[in-house]
Amino acid sequence: MSTHDKPVSTPRTAEGRHAELWSQLTQRGSALIEAVARRTDTQPSRRKLLDHLDNEVIPHLRAEEEVLHNLARRAGEHTLVAAMEIDHRALLRQVEHIERAATPFDAALAARAVLLLFALRMEKEEKVLLPALARAGVDTAELLKGHHEMVGTPLST
């Protein structure tokens, strides 16, 4: 392979990371819901969902709070940030419900709530928060570089 043929690392976008998280989250959440509907063992799907939430989704949310929300506050977007943080807290409470659910059905209901809340939060960030930061003069593409929790691992092209 010549030096011209080597893969180049390119930054991922927030939207790309959201799509990846969403795909994995819906796959795992749906597996839990389907296991409940079929009355099969829900523990494996519940564990996979919780592992994904703990290792991917929650670190992503925390990084957004630390970076994006703080920048948005400095840009005067206090109300928007407050609304986003309410969504984050609601999502985290539903993750706790999945962990502590007394029945598989209760875990499935909480999983469905997580899916809905994540979709809502993802759309707010992409359609409202990131454009607000851009209007405030923040180069969001540059900002996201190096924050693998928010954009994932760089793609090789």
C-alpha atoms as a PDB file:
ATOM      1  CA  MET A   1       0.000   0.000   0.000  1.00  0.00           C
ATOM      2  CA  SER A   2       1.497   3.339  -1.015  1.00  0.00           C
ATOM      3  CA  THR A   3       1.216   6.407   1.193  1.00  0.00           C
ATOM      4  CA  HIS A   4      -1.572   7.626  -1.104  1.00  0.00           C
ATOM      5  CA  ASP A   5      -3.570   4.463  -0.376  1.00  0.00           C
ATOM      6  CA  LYS A   6      -3.475   4.729   3.419  1.00  0.00           C
ATOM      7  CA  PRO A   7      -6.820   5.339   5.108  1.00  0.00           C
ATOM      8  CA  VAL A   8      -7.241   8.893   6.304  1.00  0.00           C
ATOM      9  CA  SER A   9      -8.980   9.524   9.604  1.00  0.00           C
ATOM     10  CA  THR A  10     -11.892  11.904   9.183  1.00  0.00           C
ATOM     11  CA  PRO A  11     -14.021  13.377  11.955  1.00  0.00           C
ATOM     12  CA  ARG A  12     -17.534  12.089  12.387  1.00  0.00           C
ATOM     13  CA  THR A  13     -20.506  14.392  12.729  1.00  0.00           C
ATOM     14  CA  ALA A  14     -22.895  14.640  15.648  1.00  0.00           C
ATOM     15  CA  GLU A  15     -25.673  13.519  13.307  1.00  0.00           C
ATOM     16  CA  GLY A  16     -23.670  10.468  12.262  1.00  0.00           C
ATOM     17  CA  ARG A  17     -23.036   9.523  15.851  1.00  0.00           C
ATOM     18  CA  HIS A  18     -26.688  10.019  16.711  1.00  0.00           C
ATOM     19  CA  ALA A  19     -27.693   7.732  13.838  1.00  0.00           C
ATOM     20  CA  GLU A  20     -25.263   5.091  15.056  1.00  0.00           C
ATOM     21  CA  LEU A  21     -26.450   5.351  18.673  1.00  0.00           C
ATOM     22  CA  TRP A  22     -30.081   5.369  17.558  1.00  0.00           C
ATOM     23  CA  SER A  23     -29.639   2.279  15.402  1.00  0.00           C
ATOM     24  CA  GLN A  24     -27.964   0.329  18.193  1.00  0.00           C
ATOM     25  CA  LEU A  25     -30.409   1.596  20.809  1.00  0.00           C
ATOM     26  CA  THR A  26     -33.509   0.685  18.791  1.00  0.00           C
ATOM     27  CA  GLN A  27     -32.074  -2.733  17.992  1.00  0.00           C
ATOM     28  CA  ARG A  28     -31.405  -3.492  21.660  1.00  0.00           C
ATOM     29  CA  GLY A  29     -34.593  -1.892  22.960  1.00  0.00           C
ATOM     30  CA  SER A  30     -36.680  -3.746  20.391  1.00  0.00           C
ATOM     31  CA  ALA A  31     -35.013  -7.028  21.349  1.00  0.00           C
ATOM     32  CA  LEU A  32     -36.118  -6.533  24.952  1.00  0.00           C
ATOM     33  CA  ILE A  33     -39.648  -5.563  23.939  1.00  0.00           C
ATOM     34  CA  GLU A  34     -39.874  -8.581  21.595  1.00  0.00           C
ATOM     35  CA  ALA A  35     -38.596 -10.934  24.313  1.00  0.00           C
ATOM     36  CA  VAL A  36     -41.373  -9.699  26.595  1.00  0.00           C
ATOM     37  CA  ALA A  37     -43.981 -10.085  23.840  1.00  0.00           C
ATOM     38  CA  ARG A  38     -42.801 -13.637  23.126  1.00  0.00           C
ATOM     39  CA  ARG A  39     -42.558 -14.446  26.828  1.00  0.00           C
ATOM     40  CA  THR A  40     -38.952 -15.575  26.486  1.00  0.00           C
ATOM     41  CA  ASP A  41     -36.000 -14.885  28.756  1.00  0.00           C
ATOM     42  CA  THR A  42     -35.513 -11.099  28.842  1.00  0.00           C
ATOM     43  CA  GLN A  43     -32.294 -11.026  30.846  1.00  0.00           C
ATOM     44  CA  PRO A  44     -29.869 -11.265  27.875  1.00  0.00           C
ATOM     45  CA  SER A  45     -31.602  -8.502  25.921  1.00  0.00           C
ATOM     46  CA  ARG A  46     -32.047  -6.379  29.043  1.00  0.00           C
ATOM     47  CA  ARG A  47     -28.337  -6.707  29.838  1.00  0.00           C
ATOM     48  CA  LYS A  48     -27.301  -5.829  26.259  1.00  0.00           C
ATOM     49  CA  LEU A  49     -29.523  -2.767  26.344  1.00  0.00           C
ATOM     50  CA  LEU A  50     -28.185  -1.622  29.710  1.00  0.00           C
ATOM     51  CA  ASP A  51     -24.579  -2.245  28.614  1.00  0.00           C
ATOM     52  CA  HIS A  52     -25.139  -0.096  25.526  1.00  0.00           C
ATOM     53  CA  LEU A  53     -26.777   2.634  27.589  1.00  0.00           C
ATOM     54  CA  ASP A  54     -24.003   2.572  30.219  1.00  0.00           C
ATOM     55  CA  ASN A  55     -21.085   2.376  27.783  1.00  0.00           C
ATOM     56  CA  GLU A  56     -22.275   4.446  24.826  1.00  0.00           C
ATOM     57  CA  VAL A  57     -25.414   6.520  25.344  1.00  0.00           C
ATOM     58  CA  ILE A  58     -24.840   7.888  28.843  1.00  0.00           C
ATOM     59  CA  PRO A  59     -21.200   8.921  28.162  1.00  0.00           C
ATOM     60  CA  HIS A  60     -22.500  10.626  25.007  1.00  0.00           C
ATOM     61  CA  LEU A  61     -25.115  12.533  27.016  1.00  0.00           C
ATOM     62  CA  ARG A  62     -22.594  13.519  29.697  1.00  0.00           C
ATOM     63  CA  ALA A  63     -20.145  14.819  27.093  1.00  0.00           C
ATOM     64  CA  GLU A  64     -22.887  16.871  25.466  1.00  0.00           C
ATOM     65  CA  GLU A  65     -23.812  18.359  28.818  1.00  0.00           C
ATOM     66  CA  GLU A  66     -20.210  19.283  29.555  1.00  0.00           C
ATOM     67  CA  VAL A  67     -19.391  20.734  26.152  1.00  0.00           C
ATOM     68  CA  LEU A  68     -22.492  21.772  24.229  1.00  0.00           C
ATOM     69  CA  HIS A  69     -24.695  22.827  27.115  1.00  0.00           C
ATOM     70  CA  ASN A  70     -21.984  24.966  28.672  1.00  0.00           C
ATOM     71  CA  LEU A  71     -21.331  26.687  25.340  1.00  0.00           C
ATOM     72  CA  ALA A  72     -25.047  27.242  24.814  1.00  0.00           C
ATOM     73  CA  ARG A  73     -25.348  28.840  28.261  1.00  0.00           C
ATOM     74  CA  ARG A  74     -22.485  31.196  27.416  1.00  0.00           C
ATOM     75  CA  ALA A  75     -24.340  32.048  24.180  1.00  0.00           C
ATOM     76  CA  GLY A  76     -27.402  33.029  26.227  1.00  0.00           C
ATOM     77  CA  GLU A  77     -29.447  29.897  25.461  1.00  0.00           C
ATOM     78  CA  HIS A  78     -30.332  29.221  29.118  1.00  0.00           C
ATOM     79  CA  THR A  79     -33.948  28.182  28.490  1.00  0.00           C
ATOM     80  CA  LEU A  80     -32.971  25.802  25.709  1.00  0.00           C
ATOM     81  CA  VAL A  81     -30.300  24.207  27.886  1.00  0.00           C
ATOM     82  CA  ALA A  82     -32.756  23.863  30.760  1.00  0.00           C
ATOM     83  CA  ALA A  83     -35.192  22.047  28.452  1.00  0.00           C
ATOM     84  CA  MET A  84     -32.436  19.746  27.153  1.00  0.00           C
ATOM     85  CA  GLU A  85     -31.344  18.931  30.704  1.00  0.00           C
ATOM     86  CA  ILE A  86     -34.913  18.009  31.649  1.00  0.00           C
ATOM     87  CA  ASP A  87     -34.879  15.540  28.754  1.00  0.00           C
ATOM     88  CA  HIS A  88     -31.533  14.126  29.887  1.00  0.00           C
ATOM     89  CA  ARG A  89     -32.753  13.628  33.454  1.00  0.00           C
ATOM     90  CA  ALA A  90     -35.953  11.951  32.258  1.00  0.00           C
ATOM     91  CA  LEU A  91     -33.934   9.628  30.039  1.00  0.00           C
ATOM     92  CA  LEU A  92     -31.591   8.725  32.896  1.00  0.00           C
ATOM     93  CA  ARG A  93     -34.564   8.001  35.174  1.00  0.00           C
ATOM     94  CA  GLN A  94     -35.928   5.594  32.577  1.00  0.00           C
ATOM     95  CA  VAL A  95     -32.548   3.846  32.385  1.00  0.00           C
ATOM     96  CA  GLU A  96     -32.794   3.375  36.158  1.00  0.00           C
ATOM     97  CA  HIS A  97     -36.304   1.949  35.667  1.00  0.00           C
ATOM     98  CA  ILE A  98     -34.909  -0.603  33.209  1.00  0.00           C
ATOM     99  CA  GLU A  99     -32.257  -1.571  35.765  1.00  0.00           C
ATOM    100  CA  ARG A 100     -34.677  -1.837  38.693  1.00  0.00           C
ATOM    101  CA  ALA A 101     -37.859  -3.015  36.979  1.00  0.00           C
ATOM    102  CA  ALA A 102     -39.648  -5.661  39.005  1.00  0.00           C
ATOM    103  CA  THR A 103     -41.073  -7.326  35.912  1.00  0.00           C
ATOM    104  CA  PRO A 104     -39.917  -7.767  32.319  1.00  0.00           C
ATOM    105  CA  PHE A 105     -43.001  -5.828  31.195  1.00  0.00           C
ATOM    106  CA  ASP A 106     -41.964  -2.838  33.339  1.00  0.00           C
ATOM    107  CA  ALA A 107     -38.459  -3.015  31.852  1.00  0.00           C
ATOM    108  CA  ALA A 108     -39.922  -3.059  28.339  1.00  0.00           C
ATOM    109  CA  LEU A 109     -42.092  -0.007  29.086  1.00  0.00           C
ATOM    110  CA  ALA A 110     -39.033   1.864  30.360  1.00  0.00           C
ATOM    111  CA  ALA A 111     -37.044   0.766  27.297  1.00  0.00           C
ATOM    112  CA  ARG A 112     -39.751   2.190  25.044  1.00  0.00           C
ATOM    113  CA  ALA A 113     -39.649   5.456  26.992  1.00  0.00           C
ATOM    114  CA  VAL A 114     -35.849   5.586  26.557  1.00  0.00           C
ATOM    115  CA  LEU A 115     -36.248   5.182  22.808  1.00  0.00           C
ATOM    116  CA  LEU A 116     -38.778   8.004  22.625  1.00  0.00           C
ATOM    117  CA  LEU A 117     -36.809  10.338  24.876  1.00  0.00           C
ATOM    118  CA  PHE A 118     -33.553   9.712  23.019  1.00  0.00           C
ATOM    119  CA  ALA A 119     -35.227  10.420  19.674  1.00  0.00           C
ATOM    120  CA  LEU A 120     -36.670  13.663  21.024  1.00  0.00           C
ATOM    121  CA  ARG A 121     -33.380  14.758  22.563  1.00  0.00           C
ATOM    122  CA  MET A 122     -31.455  13.863  19.422  1.00  0.00           C
ATOM    123  CA  GLU A 123     -33.766  15.936  17.238  1.00  0.00           C
ATOM    124  CA  LYS A 124     -33.644  18.921  19.619  1.00  0.00           C
ATOM    125  CA  GLU A 125     -29.873  18.874  19.562  1.00  0.00           C
ATOM    126  CA  GLU A 126     -29.604  18.614  15.776  1.00  0.00           C
ATOM    127  CA  LYS A 127     -32.438  21.000  14.879  1.00  0.00           C
ATOM    128  CA  VAL A 128     -32.281  23.537  17.708  1.00  0.00           C
ATOM    129  CA  LEU A 129     -29.127  23.406  19.872  1.00  0.00           C
ATOM    130  CA  LEU A 130     -26.424  23.012  17.212  1.00  0.00           C
ATOM    131  CA  PRO A 131     -27.985  25.684  14.958  1.00  0.00           C
ATOM    132  CA  ALA A 132     -28.216  28.039  17.969  1.00  0.00           C
ATOM    133  CA  LEU A 133     -24.524  27.516  18.632  1.00  0.00           C
ATOM    134  CA  ALA A 134     -23.715  28.104  14.963  1.00  0.00           C
ATOM    135  CA  ARG A 135     -25.715  31.367  15.029  1.00  0.00           C
ATOM    136  CA  ALA A 136     -23.670  32.386  18.075  1.00  0.00           C
ATOM    137  CA  GLY A 137     -20.508  31.921  16.013  1.00  0.00           C
ATOM    138  CA  VAL A 138     -19.421  28.535  17.359  1.00  0.00           C
ATOM    139  CA  ASP A 139     -17.706  26.307  14.789  1.00  0.00           C
ATOM    140  CA  THR A 140     -19.463  23.124  15.880  1.00  0.00           C
ATOM    141  CA  ALA A 141     -17.501  20.884  13.483  1.00  0.00           C
ATOM    142  CA  GLU A 142     -14.228  22.090  14.986  1.00  0.00           C
ATOM    143  CA  LEU A 143     -15.668  21.911  18.486  1.00  0.00           C
ATOM    144  CA  LEU A 144     -16.667  18.259  18.105  1.00  0.00           C
ATOM    145  CA  LYS A 145     -13.239  17.107  16.910  1.00  0.00           C
ATOM    146  CA  GLY A 146     -11.576  15.055  19.586  1.00  0.00           C
ATOM    147  CA  HIS A 147     -14.786  14.445  21.533  1.00  0.00           C
ATOM    148  CA  HIS A 148     -15.211  10.768  20.670  1.00  0.00           C
ATOM    149  CA  GLU A 149     -18.082  10.438  23.169  1.00  0.00           C
ATOM    150  CA  MET A 150     -20.097  12.823  21.020  1.00  0.00           C
ATOM    151  CA  VAL A 151     -19.017  11.811  17.508  1.00  0.00           C
ATOM    152  CA  GLY A 152     -17.681   8.290  17.931  1.00  0.00           C
ATOM    153  CA  THR A 153     -14.413   6.962  16.612  1.00  0.00           C
ATOM    154  CA  PRO A 154     -13.061   8.644  13.453  1.00  0.00           C
ATOM    155  CA  LEU A 155     -13.939   6.891  10.231  1.00  0.00           C
ATOM    156  CA  SER A 156     -11.211   5.677   7.898  1.00  0.00           C
ATOM    157  CA  THR A 157     -11.768   6.790   4.328  1.00  0.00           C
END
